[in-house]
């Protein structure tokens, strides 16, 4: 899955966010009242009741690496959903969540991660990598957070971004109050050097970081002007 704001060519409500990976796993929302707002070339803005479904045909999350560039614009008493599926919930805890208020939280079958507090109104980038045995999160603070065993299981939901909808419910809840710039999802665990390249790319493109050189480059850097 590769959803990025560079494919958004106009401002306004979006019914479909095209998957740039070529796998046709588009984000979509048929209900006009629930369509998030595109800011062309910049991001997709979410607030209640806006969210997107993701076409998850043949999408397996047994082992994966995900990269997300996002921001949280406002706090909420409810949790804020970044990504949800029957295998994974990735969210920012609401103010009433005693365990993870305003913090990143990952829930998978048999394991969970309690991550860092997300700074409101600040561009953030995270990396989440998971295997059947263990998962780890690299938060916006660039620290590692490793999964711990947990009896809490993901909810049975549709695959969505920006909101959570249980399979048994007609309406979604736990909406993101903020924006998504890019979601990149690989169906495998990446090596550290490949993760670093994607992270550097996202931070430079969306967060305005100025990055110096390639993490694997050992030769001196020459600048010609």
C-alpha atoms as a PDB file:
ATOM      1  CA  UNK A   1       0.000   0.000   0.000  1.00  0.00           C
ATOM      2  CA  UNK A   2       1.302   3.461  -0.889  1.00  0.00           C
ATOM      3  CA  UNK A   3      -0.984   6.407  -0.248  1.00  0.00           C
ATOM      4  CA  UNK A   4       0.710   9.793  -0.524  1.00  0.00           C
ATOM      5  CA  UNK A   5      -0.458  13.363  -0.889  1.00  0.00           C
ATOM      6  CA  UNK A   6       1.481  13.861  -4.104  1.00  0.00           C
ATOM      7  CA  UNK A   7      -1.349  12.082  -5.919  1.00  0.00           C
ATOM      8  CA  UNK A   8      -3.921  14.605  -4.666  1.00  0.00           C
ATOM      9  CA  UNK A   9      -4.352  17.085  -7.515  1.00  0.00           C
ATOM     10  CA  UNK A  10      -7.175  19.278  -6.198  1.00  0.00           C
ATOM     11  CA  UNK A  11      -8.554  20.636  -2.936  1.00  0.00           C
ATOM     12  CA  UNK A  12     -11.790  19.396  -1.418  1.00  0.00           C
ATOM     13  CA  UNK A  13     -13.555  16.210  -0.318  1.00  0.00           C
ATOM     14  CA  UNK A  14     -12.067  13.013  -1.712  1.00  0.00           C
ATOM     15  CA  UNK A  15     -13.986   9.859  -2.550  1.00  0.00           C
ATOM     16  CA  UNK A  16     -10.811   7.960  -3.499  1.00  0.00           C
ATOM     17  CA  UNK A  17      -7.125   8.146  -2.624  1.00  0.00           C
ATOM     18  CA  UNK A  18      -5.286   6.153  -5.280  1.00  0.00           C
ATOM     19  CA  UNK A  19      -2.747   3.526  -4.255  1.00  0.00           C
ATOM     20  CA  UNK A  20       0.539   4.517  -5.923  1.00  0.00           C
ATOM     21  CA  UNK A  21       2.044   1.046  -5.363  1.00  0.00           C
ATOM     22  CA  UNK A  22       0.093  -0.400  -8.287  1.00  0.00           C
ATOM     23  CA  UNK A  23      -1.626  -2.937  -6.018  1.00  0.00           C
ATOM     24  CA  UNK A  24      -5.040  -1.210  -6.295  1.00  0.00           C
ATOM     25  CA  UNK A  25      -5.426  -0.961  -2.524  1.00  0.00           C
ATOM     26  CA  UNK A  26      -7.003   2.472  -2.733  1.00  0.00           C
ATOM     27  CA  UNK A  27      -8.448   4.487   0.085  1.00  0.00           C
ATOM     28  CA  UNK A  28     -12.105   5.247  -0.581  1.00  0.00           C
ATOM     29  CA  UNK A  29     -15.200   6.716   1.027  1.00  0.00           C
ATOM     30  CA  UNK A  30     -18.585   6.455  -0.765  1.00  0.00           C
ATOM     31  CA  UNK A  31     -20.434   8.580   1.798  1.00  0.00           C
ATOM     32  CA  UNK A  32     -20.072  12.280   0.948  1.00  0.00           C
ATOM     33  CA  UNK A  33     -20.531  13.370   4.562  1.00  0.00           C
ATOM     34  CA  UNK A  34     -17.622  11.160   5.695  1.00  0.00           C
ATOM     35  CA  UNK A  35     -15.123  12.124   2.991  1.00  0.00           C
ATOM     36  CA  UNK A  36     -11.914  13.711   4.317  1.00  0.00           C
ATOM     37  CA  UNK A  37     -10.592  16.930   2.808  1.00  0.00           C
ATOM     38  CA  UNK A  38      -7.657  16.880   0.419  1.00  0.00           C
ATOM     39  CA  UNK A  39      -5.119  19.690   0.414  1.00  0.00           C
ATOM     40  CA  UNK A  40      -3.550  19.214  -3.000  1.00  0.00           C
ATOM     41  CA  UNK A  41       0.006  17.912  -2.787  1.00  0.00           C
ATOM     42  CA  UNK A  42       0.138  18.380   0.983  1.00  0.00           C
ATOM     43  CA  UNK A  43      -2.089  16.024   2.970  1.00  0.00           C
ATOM     44  CA  UNK A  44      -5.528  14.595   3.677  1.00  0.00           C
ATOM     45  CA  UNK A  45      -7.308  16.247   6.610  1.00  0.00           C
ATOM     46  CA  UNK A  46      -9.571  14.236   8.896  1.00  0.00           C
ATOM     47  CA  UNK A  47     -12.077  15.176  11.571  1.00  0.00           C
ATOM     48  CA  UNK A  48     -15.278  13.563  12.836  1.00  0.00           C
ATOM     49  CA  UNK A  49     -16.987  11.852  10.973  1.00  0.00           C
ATOM     50  CA  UNK A  50     -14.389  11.604   8.197  1.00  0.00           C
ATOM     51  CA  UNK A  51     -12.383   8.461   7.435  1.00  0.00           C
ATOM     52  CA  UNK A  52     -11.374   6.199   4.540  1.00  0.00           C
ATOM     53  CA  UNK A  53     -11.807   2.508   3.922  1.00  0.00           C
ATOM     54  CA  UNK A  54      -8.799   0.702   2.414  1.00  0.00           C
ATOM     55  CA  UNK A  55      -9.222  -2.073  -0.140  1.00  0.00           C
ATOM     56  CA  UNK A  56      -7.592  -4.940   1.754  1.00  0.00           C
ATOM     57  CA  UNK A  57      -8.072  -7.848  -0.657  1.00  0.00           C
ATOM     58  CA  UNK A  58      -5.180 -10.303  -0.208  1.00  0.00           C
ATOM     59  CA  UNK A  59      -3.562  -7.936   2.288  1.00  0.00           C
ATOM     60  CA  UNK A  60      -1.636  -9.921   4.909  1.00  0.00           C
ATOM     61  CA  UNK A  61      -0.216  -8.311   8.033  1.00  0.00           C
ATOM     62  CA  UNK A  62       1.510 -11.359   9.517  1.00  0.00           C
ATOM     63  CA  UNK A  63       4.866  -9.696   8.778  1.00  0.00           C
ATOM     64  CA  UNK A  64       5.078  -6.094   7.608  1.00  0.00           C
ATOM     65  CA  UNK A  65       6.826  -2.752   7.792  1.00  0.00           C
ATOM     66  CA  UNK A  66       4.751   0.442   7.815  1.00  0.00           C
ATOM     67  CA  UNK A  67       5.832   4.072   7.533  1.00  0.00           C
ATOM     68  CA  UNK A  68       3.413   6.885   8.330  1.00  0.00           C
ATOM     69  CA  UNK A  69       3.767  10.652   8.066  1.00  0.00           C
ATOM     70  CA  UNK A  70       0.955  12.380   9.959  1.00  0.00           C
ATOM     71  CA  UNK A  71      -0.034  15.048  12.436  1.00  0.00           C
ATOM     72  CA  UNK A  72      -2.541  15.347  15.279  1.00  0.00           C
ATOM     73  CA  UNK A  73      -4.106  18.804  15.196  1.00  0.00           C
ATOM     74  CA  UNK A  74      -6.255  18.585  18.322  1.00  0.00           C
ATOM     75  CA  UNK A  75      -6.713  16.412  21.374  1.00  0.00           C
ATOM     76  CA  UNK A  76      -9.831  14.313  21.881  1.00  0.00           C
ATOM     77  CA  UNK A  77     -11.485  12.482  24.734  1.00  0.00           C
ATOM     78  CA  UNK A  78     -11.745   9.450  22.424  1.00  0.00           C
ATOM     79  CA  UNK A  79      -8.852   7.534  20.886  1.00  0.00           C
ATOM     80  CA  UNK A  80      -7.743   8.762  17.463  1.00  0.00           C
ATOM     81  CA  UNK A  81      -7.331   6.071  14.804  1.00  0.00           C
ATOM     82  CA  UNK A  82      -4.348   6.201  12.471  1.00  0.00           C
ATOM     83  CA  UNK A  83      -4.884   2.736  10.976  1.00  0.00           C
ATOM     84  CA  UNK A  84      -7.234  -0.125  11.810  1.00  0.00           C
ATOM     85  CA  UNK A  85      -7.699  -3.650  10.473  1.00  0.00           C
ATOM     86  CA  UNK A  86      -8.730  -7.041  11.889  1.00  0.00           C
ATOM     87  CA  UNK A  87      -5.000  -7.670  12.551  1.00  0.00           C
ATOM     88  CA  UNK A  88      -3.827  -4.289  13.803  1.00  0.00           C
ATOM     89  CA  UNK A  89      -4.960  -1.137  15.542  1.00  0.00           C
ATOM     90  CA  UNK A  90      -2.607   1.861  15.466  1.00  0.00           C
ATOM     91  CA  UNK A  91      -3.924   4.851  17.359  1.00  0.00           C
ATOM     92  CA  UNK A  92      -3.248   7.877  19.545  1.00  0.00           C
ATOM     93  CA  UNK A  93      -4.814   7.497  22.974  1.00  0.00           C
ATOM     94  CA  UNK A  94      -7.603   9.870  23.936  1.00  0.00           C
ATOM     95  CA  UNK A  95      -7.525  12.096  26.975  1.00  0.00           C
ATOM     96  CA  UNK A  96      -9.750   9.608  28.826  1.00  0.00           C
ATOM     97  CA  UNK A  97      -7.448   6.666  28.052  1.00  0.00           C
ATOM     98  CA  UNK A  98      -5.644   6.179  31.356  1.00  0.00           C
ATOM     99  CA  UNK A  99      -2.973   3.907  29.844  1.00  0.00           C
ATOM    100  CA  UNK A 100      -1.985   5.852  26.750  1.00  0.00           C
ATOM    101  CA  UNK A 101      -3.456   9.366  26.785  1.00  0.00           C
ATOM    102  CA  UNK A 102      -2.099  11.316  23.798  1.00  0.00           C
ATOM    103  CA  UNK A 103       0.395   8.494  23.169  1.00  0.00           C
ATOM    104  CA  UNK A 104       0.883   6.080  20.300  1.00  0.00           C
ATOM    105  CA  UNK A 105      -0.506   2.612  20.939  1.00  0.00           C
ATOM    106  CA  UNK A 106      -0.218  -0.524  18.816  1.00  0.00           C
ATOM    107  CA  UNK A 107      -2.496  -3.526  19.375  1.00  0.00           C
ATOM    108  CA  UNK A 108      -1.954  -6.869  17.634  1.00  0.00           C
ATOM    109  CA  UNK A 109      -2.901 -10.418  18.498  1.00  0.00           C
ATOM    110  CA  UNK A 110      -0.854 -11.416  21.562  1.00  0.00           C
ATOM    111  CA  UNK A 111       1.211  -8.236  21.751  1.00  0.00           C
ATOM    112  CA  UNK A 112       1.001  -4.491  22.147  1.00  0.00           C
ATOM    113  CA  UNK A 113       3.254  -1.426  22.165  1.00  0.00           C
ATOM    114  CA  UNK A 114       2.941   1.633  24.366  1.00  0.00           C
ATOM    115  CA  UNK A 115       4.672   4.417  22.452  1.00  0.00           C
ATOM    116  CA  UNK A 116       5.571   8.058  23.057  1.00  0.00           C
ATOM    117  CA  UNK A 117       3.328  11.072  23.465  1.00  0.00           C
ATOM    118  CA  UNK A 118       2.470  12.678  20.120  1.00  0.00           C
ATOM    119  CA  UNK A 119       3.106  16.411  19.993  1.00  0.00           C
ATOM    120  CA  UNK A 120      -0.019  18.267  18.938  1.00  0.00           C
ATOM    121  CA  UNK A 121       0.197  20.270  15.711  1.00  0.00           C
ATOM    122  CA  UNK A 122       3.664  18.967  14.882  1.00  0.00           C
ATOM    123  CA  UNK A 123       4.532  16.858  11.762  1.00  0.00           C
ATOM    124  CA  UNK A 124       5.356  13.329  12.894  1.00  0.00           C
ATOM    125  CA  UNK A 125       6.864  10.239  11.281  1.00  0.00           C
ATOM    126  CA  UNK A 126       6.697   6.709  12.647  1.00  0.00           C
ATOM    127  CA  UNK A 127       7.890   3.273  11.617  1.00  0.00           C
ATOM    128  CA  UNK A 128       6.180   0.071  12.716  1.00  0.00           C
ATOM    129  CA  UNK A 129       7.674  -3.343  11.956  1.00  0.00           C
ATOM    130  CA  UNK A 130       6.084  -6.608  12.987  1.00  0.00           C
ATOM    131  CA  UNK A 131       6.577 -10.355  12.748  1.00  0.00           C
ATOM    132  CA  UNK A 132       4.512 -13.153  14.296  1.00  0.00           C
ATOM    133  CA  UNK A 133       6.866 -13.129  17.297  1.00  0.00           C
ATOM    134  CA  UNK A 134       7.583  -9.486  18.046  1.00  0.00           C
ATOM    135  CA  UNK A 135       6.991  -5.926  16.860  1.00  0.00           C
ATOM    136  CA  UNK A 136       8.751  -2.619  17.381  1.00  0.00           C
ATOM    137  CA  UNK A 137       7.861   1.005  16.843  1.00  0.00           C
ATOM    138  CA  UNK A 138      10.241   3.836  16.019  1.00  0.00           C
ATOM    139  CA  UNK A 139       8.348   6.875  17.244  1.00  0.00           C
ATOM    140  CA  UNK A 140       8.477  10.526  16.192  1.00  0.00           C
ATOM    141  CA  UNK A 141      11.097  10.935  18.947  1.00  0.00           C
ATOM    142  CA  UNK A 142      13.251   8.356  17.039  1.00  0.00           C
ATOM    143  CA  UNK A 143      13.321   6.013  20.039  1.00  0.00           C
ATOM    144  CA  UNK A 144      12.555   2.293  19.803  1.00  0.00           C
ATOM    145  CA  UNK A 145       9.535   0.798  21.566  1.00  0.00           C
ATOM    146  CA  UNK A 146       9.286  -2.991  21.646  1.00  0.00           C
ATOM    147  CA  UNK A 147       6.105  -5.018  21.951  1.00  0.00           C
ATOM    148  CA  UNK A 148       5.114  -6.753  25.161  1.00  0.00           C
ATOM    149  CA  UNK A 149       2.829  -9.790  25.544  1.00  0.00           C
ATOM    150  CA  UNK A 150      -0.809  -8.821  25.881  1.00  0.00           C
ATOM    151  CA  UNK A 151      -4.170 -10.530  26.183  1.00  0.00           C
ATOM    152  CA  UNK A 152      -5.803  -7.580  24.407  1.00  0.00           C
ATOM    153  CA  UNK A 153      -6.660  -8.461  20.801  1.00  0.00           C
ATOM    154  CA  UNK A 154      -7.438  -6.187  17.845  1.00  0.00           C
ATOM    155  CA  UNK A 155     -11.111  -5.486  17.294  1.00  0.00           C
ATOM    156  CA  UNK A 156     -12.908  -7.014  14.314  1.00  0.00           C
ATOM    157  CA  UNK A 157     -12.985  -3.979  12.066  1.00  0.00           C
ATOM    158  CA  UNK A 158     -12.942  -2.908   8.467  1.00  0.00           C
ATOM    159  CA  UNK A 159      -9.526  -1.815   7.213  1.00  0.00           C
ATOM    160  CA  UNK A 160      -9.566   1.965   7.590  1.00  0.00           C
ATOM    161  CA  UNK A 161      -7.507   5.097   8.144  1.00  0.00           C
ATOM    162  CA  UNK A 162      -8.725   8.104  10.094  1.00  0.00           C
ATOM    163  CA  UNK A 163     -11.488   6.237  11.923  1.00  0.00           C
ATOM    164  CA  UNK A 164     -12.471   2.839  13.303  1.00  0.00           C
ATOM    165  CA  UNK A 165     -15.539   0.890  12.187  1.00  0.00           C
ATOM    166  CA  UNK A 166     -16.385  -2.477  13.690  1.00  0.00           C
ATOM    167  CA  UNK A 167     -17.740  -5.103  11.309  1.00  0.00           C
ATOM    168  CA  UNK A 168     -20.890  -5.272  13.421  1.00  0.00           C
ATOM    169  CA  UNK A 169     -21.543  -1.495  13.402  1.00  0.00           C
ATOM    170  CA  UNK A 170     -23.020   0.826  10.801  1.00  0.00           C
ATOM    171  CA  UNK A 171     -21.057   3.860  11.966  1.00  0.00           C
ATOM    172  CA  UNK A 172     -17.400   4.606  12.652  1.00  0.00           C
ATOM    173  CA  UNK A 173     -15.879   6.024  15.842  1.00  0.00           C
ATOM    174  CA  UNK A 174     -12.503   7.202  17.176  1.00  0.00           C
ATOM    175  CA  UNK A 175     -11.772   9.685  14.410  1.00  0.00           C
ATOM    176  CA  UNK A 176      -8.398  11.274  13.734  1.00  0.00           C
ATOM    177  CA  UNK A 177      -8.303  15.020  14.337  1.00  0.00           C
ATOM    178  CA  UNK A 178      -5.426  15.796  12.015  1.00  0.00           C
ATOM    179  CA  UNK A 179      -3.856  14.818   8.733  1.00  0.00           C
ATOM    180  CA  UNK A 180      -2.143  12.015   6.849  1.00  0.00           C
ATOM    181  CA  UNK A 181       0.566  12.831   4.362  1.00  0.00           C
ATOM    182  CA  UNK A 182       1.741   9.358   3.456  1.00  0.00           C
ATOM    183  CA  UNK A 183       1.266   5.704   4.344  1.00  0.00           C
ATOM    184  CA  UNK A 184       3.745   3.161   2.971  1.00  0.00           C
ATOM    185  CA  UNK A 185       3.090  -0.480   3.855  1.00  0.00           C
ATOM    186  CA  UNK A 186       5.415  -3.335   2.862  1.00  0.00           C
ATOM    187  CA  UNK A 187       4.271  -6.942   3.227  1.00  0.00           C
ATOM    188  CA  UNK A 188       7.593  -7.978   4.767  1.00  0.00           C
ATOM    189  CA  UNK A 189      10.107  -6.938   7.396  1.00  0.00           C
ATOM    190  CA  UNK A 190      12.742  -4.604   5.949  1.00  0.00           C
ATOM    191  CA  UNK A 191      16.417  -4.508   6.828  1.00  0.00           C
ATOM    192  CA  UNK A 192      17.612  -1.575   8.904  1.00  0.00           C
ATOM    193  CA  UNK A 193      19.365   0.188   6.006  1.00  0.00           C
ATOM    194  CA  UNK A 194      16.195   0.028   3.871  1.00  0.00           C
ATOM    195  CA  UNK A 195      14.043   1.309   6.747  1.00  0.00           C
ATOM    196  CA  UNK A 196      16.443   4.216   7.212  1.00  0.00           C
ATOM    197  CA  UNK A 197      16.143   5.204   3.553  1.00  0.00           C
ATOM    198  CA  UNK A 198      12.338   5.324   3.669  1.00  0.00           C
ATOM    199  CA  UNK A 199      12.381   7.225   6.973  1.00  0.00           C
ATOM    200  CA  UNK A 200      14.836   9.782   5.583  1.00  0.00           C
ATOM    201  CA  UNK A 201      12.715  10.182   2.460  1.00  0.00           C
ATOM    202  CA  UNK A 202       9.522  10.794   4.468  1.00  0.00           C
ATOM    203  CA  UNK A 203      11.130  13.251   6.874  1.00  0.00           C
ATOM    204  CA  UNK A 204      12.711  15.206   4.036  1.00  0.00           C
ATOM    205  CA  UNK A 205       9.569  15.264   1.890  1.00  0.00           C
ATOM    206  CA  UNK A 206       6.906  15.983   4.494  1.00  0.00           C
ATOM    207  CA  UNK A 207       8.608  17.256   7.647  1.00  0.00           C
ATOM    208  CA  UNK A 208      11.146  19.583   6.056  1.00  0.00           C
ATOM    209  CA  UNK A 209      14.249  17.842   7.377  1.00  0.00           C
ATOM    210  CA  UNK A 210      17.551  18.614   5.654  1.00  0.00           C
ATOM    211  CA  UNK A 211      19.395  15.290   5.398  1.00  0.00           C
ATOM    212  CA  UNK A 212      23.094  14.914   4.721  1.00  0.00           C
ATOM    213  CA  UNK A 213      24.186  12.005   2.556  1.00  0.00           C
ATOM    214  CA  UNK A 214      23.242   8.336   2.437  1.00  0.00           C
ATOM    215  CA  UNK A 215      23.466   6.273   5.661  1.00  0.00           C
ATOM    216  CA  UNK A 216      25.472   3.614   3.771  1.00  0.00           C
ATOM    217  CA  UNK A 217      27.799   6.025   1.952  1.00  0.00           C
ATOM    218  CA  UNK A 218      31.426   5.809   3.159  1.00  0.00           C
ATOM    219  CA  UNK A 219      33.152   7.965   0.532  1.00  0.00           C
ATOM    220  CA  UNK A 220      33.708  11.693   1.143  1.00  0.00           C
ATOM    221  CA  UNK A 221      30.911  13.915  -0.086  1.00  0.00           C
ATOM    222  CA  UNK A 222      31.851  16.421  -2.786  1.00  0.00           C
ATOM    223  CA  UNK A 223      29.742  19.482  -3.554  1.00  0.00           C
ATOM    224  CA  UNK A 224      30.154  21.264  -6.880  1.00  0.00           C
ATOM    225  CA  UNK A 225      28.476  24.595  -7.505  1.00  0.00           C
END
